[in-house]
C-alpha cells in the first residue's frame, strides 16, 4: 500500500479475499478522515465494484481512495475493456445490483476507458474530489487494450441469447460464492486455497450482444493466451457452485440442465480449439431431467387450479410441469397425468426452445418479470406436434420452501 498526499492506493489480486481487503482499507481510510457518516456507503459500493471486477475482468485490480474536506472518491481499475452497465433487476435478484447501487448512493460516478482497461469511480459527499475526467454516469471512450499471444475460437450455430444467460448465471453463482466465502459460510464446501478464475468473459458477451436478435449465429472470439486453462477453471468452479445451489446452500437458483450443457459446450470449445481441435456446433439437447425435485403448491392453490375454467398449466422453477387441469389437457392433446412431471419445453415448439430457456433462466437469475402479468400471443405445441396459437398469461406464486411456481393460463386464439 502506498500514500500519495491524500491518496491511498492498493493493488489487489484477482481473488475473493480482495473484496474484504478493499472494504477494510476504504472503511479505515474514510473513518480516520473524520467522514464516519460515509463509511457504510463507501464500503458497500467498493464491495460491489471490486466484486464486479473479479467476476468480469479476472485481472489485477488497482484501488484508489482519495479524500478531501468534503468527501471521498474511490477508483477501481482493471484491465478488461468491457464496459459495465446498469441492469434493472428485481429486488430478489442474485446479481446485477452493482452499478444500480452506485448510481443510487454516489453523489457522482463514471467509467473512464483507458489504453489498458478501464476505471470505475464514484464520489460521496458534496465536493468534487476528482480531476474532472468524467461526469456522473458518463463513459469516457478510449482505445481498448491490445491483445497479444491470442488465439481464435469459432462457435458455430451458437444461440446468442442462451449464451449470454449462461454467462450471467455463472456470474450470479460466482458472485454469491465469493461473498459467502468471505464470511466463512462455505469453509466446509470449498477446496483449500480456492480463488476466482482469472478469465475475462467480455469477448464472449460482446460477440453474443453483437448477434442479439438472431436465434442462431456463428460467433468468433479472439482470446488471450491462457484463456483456455482459465475458462476451464471457471467451468469447474461454476459447476461446483451449481451443485451447492442444488443443495440449497446458495440463494441463486441452480442452472437449468440446458444452461449447464451450454456452459460445458462453450468452455470445452475454448479449451479444445486452443489445442487445435476443430469447432463443434452448438446443438440443443433433447429433453433433459429437471435440475432438482419438484416444487409443491399449497392446497388452496391446487383447489384453485381444479376450479379454473381456462386451460391452466403450473410449472416450478426447475422448468417442470407440476399441475395441469382438464381444459389444458384437452387443448394440448395430453391427459393431465401424462403432462405432469415433464419439462415445460415439451409444450414449446423446437425453434423457440432456446429463447424460452434463456428467458426462463434470466427470470430466475435477475427476477425481471418481462412477461409476468400480461398477455402474450405465442404458439404452444400439442402432443401430435401441431402448433396452437394461444394468448398466454403467467403469474408467479410462492411454492414450498421458498420455491417459485408459475401459473399459466392459455386461451386459444382459434378453436383447437
Protein backbone atom coordinates (compact mmCIF):
# COMPACT_ATOMS: atom_id res chain seq x y z
CA UNK A 1 0.00 0.00 0.00
CA UNK A 2 1.25 3.47 -0.84
CA UNK A 3 0.27 7.01 0.11
CA UNK A 4 0.32 9.95 -2.31
CA UNK A 5 -0.84 13.05 -0.46
CA UNK A 6 -4.45 12.25 0.40
CA UNK A 7 -4.48 9.18 -1.92
CA UNK A 8 -4.45 5.65 -0.54
CA UNK A 9 -3.57 3.10 -3.22
CA UNK A 10 -3.74 -0.70 -3.04
CA UNK A 11 -3.02 -3.32 -5.72
CA UNK A 12 -5.45 -6.21 -5.33
CA UNK A 13 -5.01 -9.71 -6.68
CA UNK A 14 -7.94 -11.35 -8.56
CA UNK A 15 -9.19 -13.47 -5.66
CA UNK A 16 -12.25 -13.40 -3.41
CA UNK A 17 -10.28 -12.20 -0.38
CA UNK A 18 -9.58 -8.94 -2.20
CA UNK A 19 -13.18 -7.81 -1.63
CA UNK A 20 -12.62 -7.91 2.12
CA UNK A 21 -9.26 -6.15 1.79
CA UNK A 22 -10.87 -3.37 -0.24
CA UNK A 23 -13.67 -2.95 2.31
CA UNK A 24 -11.25 -2.75 5.24
CA UNK A 25 -8.95 -0.31 3.50
CA UNK A 26 -11.75 2.05 2.48
CA UNK A 27 -13.51 1.80 5.87
CA UNK A 28 -10.28 2.59 7.75
CA UNK A 29 -9.32 5.46 5.45
CA UNK A 30 -12.74 7.10 5.43
CA UNK A 31 -13.22 6.65 9.18
CA UNK A 32 -9.82 8.14 10.04
CA UNK A 33 -10.57 11.13 7.82
CA UNK A 34 -13.50 12.15 10.01
CA UNK A 35 -16.20 11.12 7.48
CA UNK A 36 -17.76 8.45 9.72
CA UNK A 37 -21.19 9.02 8.13
CA UNK A 38 -19.83 7.82 4.75
CA UNK A 39 -18.21 4.58 5.91
CA UNK A 40 -21.22 2.29 5.33
CA UNK A 41 -21.98 3.61 1.83
CA UNK A 42 -18.32 3.64 0.80
CA UNK A 43 -17.68 0.05 1.91
CA UNK A 44 -20.92 -1.21 0.32
CA UNK A 45 -20.11 0.41 -3.01
CA UNK A 46 -16.47 -0.66 -3.11
CA UNK A 47 -17.57 -4.25 -2.34
CA UNK A 48 -19.93 -4.24 -5.32
CA UNK A 49 -17.46 -2.64 -7.71
CA UNK A 50 -14.49 -4.83 -6.75
CA UNK A 51 -16.65 -7.97 -6.92
CA UNK A 52 -17.76 -6.99 -10.43
CA UNK A 53 -14.13 -6.59 -11.49
CA UNK A 54 -13.27 -10.01 -10.04
CA UNK A 55 -16.12 -11.70 -11.88
CA UNK A 56 -15.96 -9.90 -15.21
CA UNK A 57 -12.30 -9.00 -15.62
CA UNK A 58 -10.27 -11.52 -13.64
CA UNK A 59 -7.23 -9.22 -13.73
CA UNK A 60 -5.16 -7.39 -11.15
CA UNK A 61 -7.18 -4.51 -9.64
CA UNK A 62 -5.92 -1.07 -8.63
CA UNK A 63 -7.89 0.54 -5.80
CA UNK A 64 -7.52 4.24 -5.05
CA UNK A 65 -9.22 6.10 -2.21
CA UNK A 66 -8.91 9.90 -2.39
CA UNK A 67 -10.02 12.18 0.47
CA UNK A 68 -10.75 15.85 0.78
CA UNK A 69 -12.58 18.03 3.27
CA UNK A 70 -15.97 17.43 1.60
CA UNK A 71 -15.95 13.71 0.89
CA UNK A 72 -14.24 10.75 -0.72
CA UNK A 73 -13.54 9.48 -4.23
CA UNK A 74 -12.91 5.78 -4.86
CA UNK A 75 -11.46 4.41 -8.10
CA UNK A 76 -11.37 0.74 -9.09
CA UNK A 77 -9.29 -0.07 -12.17
CA UNK A 78 -8.93 -3.37 -14.03
CA UNK A 79 -7.53 -4.41 -17.39
CA UNK A 80 -10.78 -5.51 -19.07
CA UNK A 81 -12.19 -3.30 -21.85
CA UNK A 82 -15.77 -4.50 -21.20
CA UNK A 83 -17.94 -1.59 -20.08
CA UNK A 84 -20.36 -2.43 -17.23
CA UNK A 85 -23.94 -1.18 -17.44
CA UNK A 86 -26.85 -0.72 -15.08
CA UNK A 87 -29.21 -3.68 -15.25
CA UNK A 88 -32.70 -3.13 -13.90
CA UNK A 89 -33.10 -6.34 -11.94
CA UNK A 90 -35.82 -7.14 -9.43
CA UNK A 91 -35.36 -6.79 -5.69
CA UNK A 92 -34.91 -10.55 -5.25
CA UNK A 93 -32.26 -10.84 -7.95
CA UNK A 94 -28.98 -12.51 -7.01
CA UNK A 95 -26.86 -10.43 -9.37
CA UNK A 96 -26.78 -7.15 -11.25
CA UNK A 97 -27.08 -4.58 -8.47
CA UNK A 98 -23.55 -3.14 -8.60
CA UNK A 99 -23.99 -0.10 -10.84
CA UNK A 100 -27.57 0.45 -9.72
CA UNK A 101 -26.29 0.87 -6.16
CA UNK A 102 -23.52 3.17 -7.32
CA UNK A 103 -26.00 5.31 -9.24
CA UNK A 104 -28.37 5.44 -6.26
CA UNK A 105 -25.87 6.18 -3.47
CA UNK A 106 -22.99 8.10 -5.05
CA UNK A 107 -23.06 11.87 -5.48
CA UNK A 108 -21.20 11.36 -8.78
CA UNK A 109 -19.79 8.38 -10.67
CA UNK A 110 -18.39 7.45 -14.04
CA UNK A 111 -16.34 5.00 -16.08
CA UNK A 112 -13.11 6.03 -17.80
CA UNK A 113 -11.94 3.82 -20.67
CA UNK A 114 -8.16 3.67 -20.86
CA UNK A 115 -5.48 2.20 -23.08
CA UNK A 116 -5.08 -0.91 -20.93
CA UNK A 117 -8.54 -1.31 -19.40
CA UNK A 118 -10.98 0.89 -17.50
CA UNK A 119 -11.55 2.70 -14.21
CA UNK A 120 -14.92 2.90 -12.47
CA UNK A 121 -15.01 5.75 -9.95
CA UNK A 122 -17.59 7.09 -7.52
CA UNK A 123 -17.73 10.02 -5.14
CA UNK A 124 -19.54 10.51 -1.84
CA UNK A 125 -20.07 13.95 -0.37
CA UNK A 126 -20.77 17.43 -1.67
CA UNK A 127 -17.41 18.34 -3.10
CA UNK A 128 -15.73 17.38 -6.37
CA UNK A 129 -12.71 15.34 -5.33
CA UNK A 130 -11.90 14.19 -8.84
CA UNK A 131 -9.89 15.65 -11.65
CA UNK A 132 -12.83 16.44 -13.94
CA UNK A 133 -12.18 13.48 -16.27
CA UNK A 134 -15.84 12.45 -16.26
CA UNK A 135 -19.29 13.36 -15.02
CA UNK A 136 -21.93 11.29 -13.30
CA UNK A 137 -22.81 8.21 -15.33
CA UNK A 138 -20.59 9.13 -18.28
CA UNK A 139 -18.35 6.64 -20.06
CA UNK A 140 -15.25 8.33 -21.44
CA UNK A 141 -14.32 6.46 -24.60
CA UNK A 142 -10.81 5.31 -25.34
CA UNK A 143 -8.86 2.58 -27.08
CA UNK A 144 -9.23 -0.96 -25.70
CA UNK A 145 -6.23 -2.84 -24.54
CA UNK A 146 -4.15 -4.54 -27.20
CA UNK A 147 -4.23 -8.33 -27.17
CA UNK A 148 -1.02 -10.31 -27.53
CA UNK A 149 -0.34 -14.02 -27.96
CA UNK A 150 -4.04 -14.58 -28.61
CA UNK A 151 -5.93 -17.41 -30.28
CA UNK A 152 -9.24 -17.55 -32.12
CA UNK A 153 -12.33 -19.56 -31.25
CA UNK A 154 -15.22 -20.18 -33.66
CA UNK A 155 -18.63 -21.07 -32.19
CA UNK A 156 -20.88 -22.40 -34.99
CA UNK A 157 -24.67 -22.24 -34.64
CA UNK A 158 -24.42 -20.58 -31.23
CA UNK A 159 -27.61 -19.35 -29.57
CA UNK A 160 -26.54 -15.79 -28.59
CA UNK A 161 -29.26 -15.15 -26.01
CA UNK A 162 -28.80 -18.52 -24.32
CA UNK A 163 -25.03 -17.97 -24.34
CA UNK A 164 -25.40 -14.59 -22.61
CA UNK A 165 -27.72 -16.08 -20.00
CA UNK A 166 -25.22 -18.89 -19.40
CA UNK A 167 -22.55 -16.29 -18.58
CA UNK A 168 -24.98 -14.27 -16.43
CA UNK A 169 -25.98 -17.35 -14.45
CA UNK A 170 -22.34 -18.25 -13.89
CA UNK A 171 -21.67 -14.70 -12.68
CA UNK A 172 -24.56 -14.92 -10.22
CA UNK A 173 -23.24 -18.19 -8.79
CA UNK A 174 -19.64 -17.00 -8.54
CA UNK A 175 -20.66 -13.68 -7.03
CA UNK A 176 -22.61 -15.34 -4.24
CA UNK A 177 -19.88 -17.93 -3.76
CA UNK A 178 -17.29 -15.18 -3.28
CA UNK A 179 -19.41 -13.16 -0.86
CA UNK A 180 -20.39 -16.17 1.26
CA UNK A 181 -16.81 -17.41 1.30
CA UNK A 182 -15.69 -14.06 2.74
CA UNK A 183 -17.94 -14.65 5.72
CA UNK A 184 -16.64 -18.18 6.22
CA UNK A 185 -20.06 -19.68 5.47
CA UNK A 186 -18.73 -22.17 2.90
CA UNK A 187 -15.47 -23.22 4.54
CA UNK A 188 -16.56 -26.86 4.54
CA UNK A 189 -17.58 -26.83 0.87
CA UNK A 190 -14.63 -25.18 -0.89
CA UNK A 191 -11.14 -26.52 -1.51
CA UNK A 192 -8.27 -25.00 0.46
CA UNK A 193 -6.75 -22.01 -1.29
CA UNK A 194 -9.50 -21.70 -3.92
CA UNK A 195 -9.76 -18.49 -5.92
CA UNK A 196 -11.97 -16.99 -8.59
CA UNK A 197 -10.75 -17.88 -12.09
CA UNK A 198 -8.85 -15.13 -13.91
CA UNK A 199 -10.97 -15.34 -17.03
CA UNK A 200 -12.30 -12.29 -18.89
CA UNK A 201 -15.77 -13.09 -20.23
CA UNK A 202 -16.06 -9.80 -22.16
CA UNK A 203 -15.17 -11.23 -25.62
CA UNK A 204 -17.97 -13.78 -25.28
CA UNK A 205 -20.52 -11.24 -24.09
CA UNK A 206 -19.59 -8.72 -26.78
CA UNK A 207 -19.86 -11.36 -29.53
CA UNK A 208 -23.24 -12.52 -28.21
CA UNK A 209 -24.53 -8.96 -27.84
CA UNK A 210 -23.46 -8.15 -31.40
CA UNK A 211 -25.68 -11.03 -32.60
CA UNK A 212 -28.64 -10.06 -30.40
CA UNK A 213 -31.97 -10.81 -32.03
CA UNK A 214 -30.67 -13.80 -34.01
CA UNK A 215 -31.87 -17.23 -32.96
CA UNK A 216 -28.61 -18.77 -34.19
CA UNK A 217 -25.31 -17.17 -35.24
CA UNK A 218 -21.71 -18.14 -35.88
CA UNK A 219 -19.65 -16.29 -33.27
CA UNK A 220 -15.92 -15.60 -33.43
CA UNK A 221 -13.84 -14.89 -30.34
CA UNK A 222 -10.31 -13.56 -30.01
CA UNK A 223 -8.90 -14.73 -26.67
CA UNK A 224 -5.57 -14.10 -24.94
CA UNK A 225 -3.01 -16.76 -24.16
CA UNK A 226 -4.01 -18.69 -21.07
CA UNK A 227 -7.73 -18.27 -21.70
CA UNK A 228 -8.07 -22.00 -22.35
CA UNK A 229 -6.97 -23.03 -18.85
CA UNK A 230 -8.72 -20.06 -17.19
CA UNK A 231 -12.01 -20.89 -18.91
CA UNK A 232 -11.73 -24.50 -17.73
CA UNK A 233 -11.16 -23.26 -14.17
CA UNK A 234 -14.26 -21.08 -14.45
CA UNK A 235 -16.33 -24.01 -15.73
CA UNK A 236 -15.22 -26.21 -12.83
CA UNK A 237 -15.94 -23.57 -10.20
CA UNK A 238 -19.35 -22.70 -11.68
CA UNK A 239 -20.13 -26.44 -11.72
CA UNK A 240 -19.18 -26.58 -8.03
CA UNK A 241 -21.31 -23.55 -7.19
CA UNK A 242 -24.20 -25.00 -9.21
CA UNK A 243 -24.04 -28.18 -7.12
CA UNK A 244 -24.17 -26.05 -3.93
CA UNK A 245 -27.21 -24.23 -5.35
CA UNK A 246 -28.96 -27.56 -5.96
CA UNK A 247 -28.28 -28.44 -2.32
CA UNK A 248 -29.96 -25.19 -1.25
CA UNK A 249 -26.76 -23.65 0.12
CA UNK A 250 -26.91 -20.64 -2.21
CA UNK A 251 -29.72 -18.18 -2.83
CA UNK A 252 -29.06 -18.33 -6.56
CA UNK A 253 -31.16 -20.87 -8.43
CA UNK A 254 -29.31 -23.84 -9.94
CA UNK A 255 -28.91 -23.83 -13.71
CA UNK A 256 -31.49 -25.38 -15.95
CA UNK A 257 -29.95 -28.54 -17.44
CA UNK A 258 -29.71 -26.96 -20.92
CA UNK A 259 -27.84 -23.97 -19.48
CA UNK A 260 -25.37 -26.35 -17.84
CA UNK A 261 -24.91 -28.14 -21.17
CA UNK A 262 -24.34 -24.78 -22.91
CA UNK A 263 -21.75 -23.89 -20.26
CA UNK A 264 -19.83 -27.11 -20.89
CA UNK A 265 -20.05 -26.72 -24.66
CA UNK A 266 -18.71 -23.15 -24.51
CA UNK A 267 -15.73 -23.76 -22.24
CA UNK A 268 -14.89 -27.11 -23.82
CA UNK A 269 -14.82 -25.42 -27.25
CA UNK A 270 -12.37 -22.82 -25.94
CA UNK A 271 -10.05 -25.45 -24.49
CA UNK A 272 -10.27 -27.84 -27.45
CA UNK A 273 -9.82 -25.18 -30.14
CA UNK A 274 -6.83 -23.77 -28.27
CA UNK A 275 -5.38 -27.27 -28.54
CA UNK A 276 -6.03 -27.38 -32.30
CA UNK A 277 -9.25 -29.38 -32.46
CA UNK A 278 -11.95 -28.30 -34.98
CA UNK A 279 -15.06 -26.39 -33.85
CA UNK A 280 -18.18 -28.29 -32.88
CA UNK A 281 -21.57 -26.66 -33.49
CA UNK A 282 -23.99 -25.97 -30.66
CA UNK A 283 -26.99 -28.26 -30.58
CA UNK A 284 -29.79 -28.03 -28.05
CA UNK A 285 -30.00 -31.39 -26.29
CA UNK A 286 -33.16 -33.47 -26.19
CA UNK A 287 -35.49 -33.33 -23.22
CA UNK A 288 -33.37 -33.43 -20.06
CA UNK A 289 -34.41 -34.26 -16.49
CA UNK A 290 -35.11 -31.31 -14.20
CA UNK A 291 -32.27 -29.96 -12.06
CA UNK A 292 -33.96 -30.56 -8.69
CA UNK A 293 -37.01 -32.08 -7.02
CA UNK A 294 -40.43 -30.72 -7.88
CA UNK A 295 -41.88 -27.77 -6.02
CA UNK A 296 -45.33 -28.06 -4.46
CA UNK A 297 -48.28 -25.68 -4.30
CA UNK A 298 -50.33 -25.06 -1.15
CA UNK A 299 -53.63 -26.90 -1.03
CA UNK A 300 -55.69 -23.76 -1.68
CA UNK A 301 -53.82 -23.14 -4.93
CA UNK A 302 -54.34 -26.74 -6.02
CA UNK A 303 -58.06 -26.26 -5.41
CA UNK A 304 -57.94 -23.05 -7.43
CA UNK A 305 -56.40 -24.95 -10.36
CA UNK A 306 -59.15 -27.52 -10.42
CA UNK A 307 -61.82 -24.81 -10.26
CA UNK A 308 -60.28 -22.84 -13.14
CA UNK A 309 -62.34 -22.92 -16.35
CA UNK A 310 -59.43 -21.68 -18.52
CA UNK A 311 -56.73 -24.08 -19.70
CA UNK A 312 -54.11 -23.86 -16.95
CA UNK A 313 -50.59 -25.25 -16.64
CA UNK A 314 -48.49 -24.83 -13.49
CA UNK A 315 -44.69 -25.17 -13.63
CA UNK A 316 -42.00 -24.80 -10.99
CA UNK A 317 -38.65 -23.00 -11.04
CA UNK A 318 -36.95 -26.14 -12.36
CA UNK A 319 -38.97 -25.70 -15.59
CA UNK A 320 -41.05 -28.76 -14.67
CA UNK A 321 -44.82 -29.07 -15.16
CA UNK A 322 -46.31 -29.90 -11.76
CA UNK A 323 -50.05 -29.50 -12.31
CA UNK A 324 -52.40 -29.38 -15.32
CA UNK A 325 -56.18 -29.09 -15.43
CA UNK A 326 -58.57 -30.91 -17.77
CA UNK A 327 -59.08 -27.89 -20.03
CA UNK A 328 -55.34 -27.65 -20.69
CA UNK A 329 -55.11 -31.36 -21.35
CA UNK A 330 -57.88 -31.16 -23.95
CA UNK A 331 -56.33 -28.09 -25.61
CA UNK A 332 -52.86 -29.66 -25.83
CA UNK A 333 -53.86 -33.25 -26.58
CA UNK A 334 -52.49 -34.73 -23.36
CA UNK A 335 -54.03 -36.22 -20.29
CA UNK A 336 -53.16 -34.09 -17.26
CA UNK A 337 -51.42 -37.07 -15.67
CA UNK A 338 -49.18 -37.57 -18.71
CA UNK A 339 -48.06 -33.92 -18.75
CA UNK A 340 -47.36 -33.64 -15.02
CA UNK A 341 -43.68 -34.20 -14.30
CA UNK A 342 -42.45 -33.36 -17.80
CA UNK A 343 -40.23 -30.38 -18.61
CA UNK A 344 -42.11 -27.29 -19.77
CA UNK A 345 -40.16 -27.38 -23.04
CA UNK A 346 -42.39 -30.25 -24.19
CA UNK A 347 -45.03 -27.57 -24.88
CA UNK A 348 -42.63 -25.20 -26.70
CA UNK A 349 -42.00 -25.55 -30.48
CA UNK A 350 -38.40 -26.69 -31.12
CA UNK A 351 -37.34 -23.48 -32.84
CA UNK A 352 -38.39 -21.43 -29.80
CA UNK A 353 -36.96 -23.62 -27.04
CA UNK A 354 -33.62 -21.82 -26.70
CA UNK A 355 -35.38 -18.47 -26.42
CA UNK A 356 -37.75 -19.93 -23.82
CA UNK A 357 -34.87 -21.40 -21.80
CA UNK A 358 -32.94 -18.15 -21.97
CA UNK A 359 -35.94 -16.10 -20.85
CA UNK A 360 -36.82 -18.53 -18.07
CA UNK A 361 -33.22 -18.63 -16.83
CA UNK A 362 -32.92 -14.84 -16.91
CA UNK A 363 -36.09 -14.58 -14.82
CA UNK A 364 -34.57 -16.92 -12.22
CA UNK A 365 -31.26 -15.01 -12.16
CA UNK A 366 -32.48 -11.42 -12.34
CA UNK A 367 -36.06 -11.55 -11.11
CA UNK A 368 -37.04 -9.41 -14.10
CA UNK A 369 -40.72 -10.20 -14.86
CA UNK A 370 -40.73 -9.40 -18.56
CA UNK A 371 -43.90 -11.33 -19.39
CA UNK A 372 -45.45 -11.91 -15.98
CA UNK A 373 -48.92 -10.46 -15.53
CA UNK A 374 -49.57 -9.56 -19.16
CA UNK A 375 -50.96 -11.48 -22.12
CA UNK A 376 -48.67 -12.50 -24.97
CA UNK A 377 -49.55 -14.42 -28.12
CA UNK A 378 -47.35 -17.49 -28.59
CA UNK A 379 -47.57 -20.90 -30.23
CA UNK A 380 -47.94 -23.90 -27.93
CA UNK A 381 -47.00 -27.40 -29.07
CA UNK A 382 -49.67 -30.08 -28.99
CA UNK A 383 -48.84 -33.73 -28.34
CA UNK A 384 -49.21 -34.58 -32.05
CA UNK A 385 -46.58 -31.94 -32.95
CA UNK A 386 -49.02 -29.36 -34.29
CA UNK A 387 -48.88 -25.77 -33.00
CA UNK A 388 -51.84 -23.94 -31.48
CA UNK A 389 -51.74 -20.15 -31.10
CA UNK A 390 -52.67 -19.11 -27.57
CA UNK A 391 -52.90 -15.95 -25.54
CA UNK A 392 -50.64 -16.75 -22.60
CA UNK A 393 -50.85 -15.03 -19.20
CA UNK A 394 -48.43 -16.01 -16.44
CA UNK A 395 -48.39 -15.14 -12.75
CA UNK A 396 -45.82 -16.07 -10.13
CA UNK A 397 -46.83 -17.85 -6.92
CA UNK A 398 -44.97 -18.95 -3.81
CA UNK A 399 -44.34 -22.66 -3.56
CA UNK A 400 -42.99 -24.73 -0.71
CA UNK A 401 -39.63 -23.89 0.84
CA UNK A 402 -39.35 -20.50 -0.84
CA UNK A 403 -39.54 -22.05 -4.32
CA UNK A 404 -41.14 -20.13 -7.18
CA UNK A 405 -44.10 -21.50 -9.12
CA UNK A 406 -45.54 -20.15 -12.37
CA UNK A 407 -49.26 -20.32 -13.12
CA UNK A 408 -50.06 -20.02 -16.84
CA UNK A 409 -53.49 -19.63 -18.44
CA UNK A 410 -53.75 -20.46 -22.15
CA UNK A 411 -56.61 -19.08 -24.20
CA UNK A 412 -56.70 -20.47 -27.78
CA UNK A 413 -56.81 -17.80 -30.48
CA UNK A 414 -58.90 -20.18 -32.62
CA UNK A 415 -60.87 -23.29 -31.82
CA UNK A 416 -58.48 -26.27 -31.31
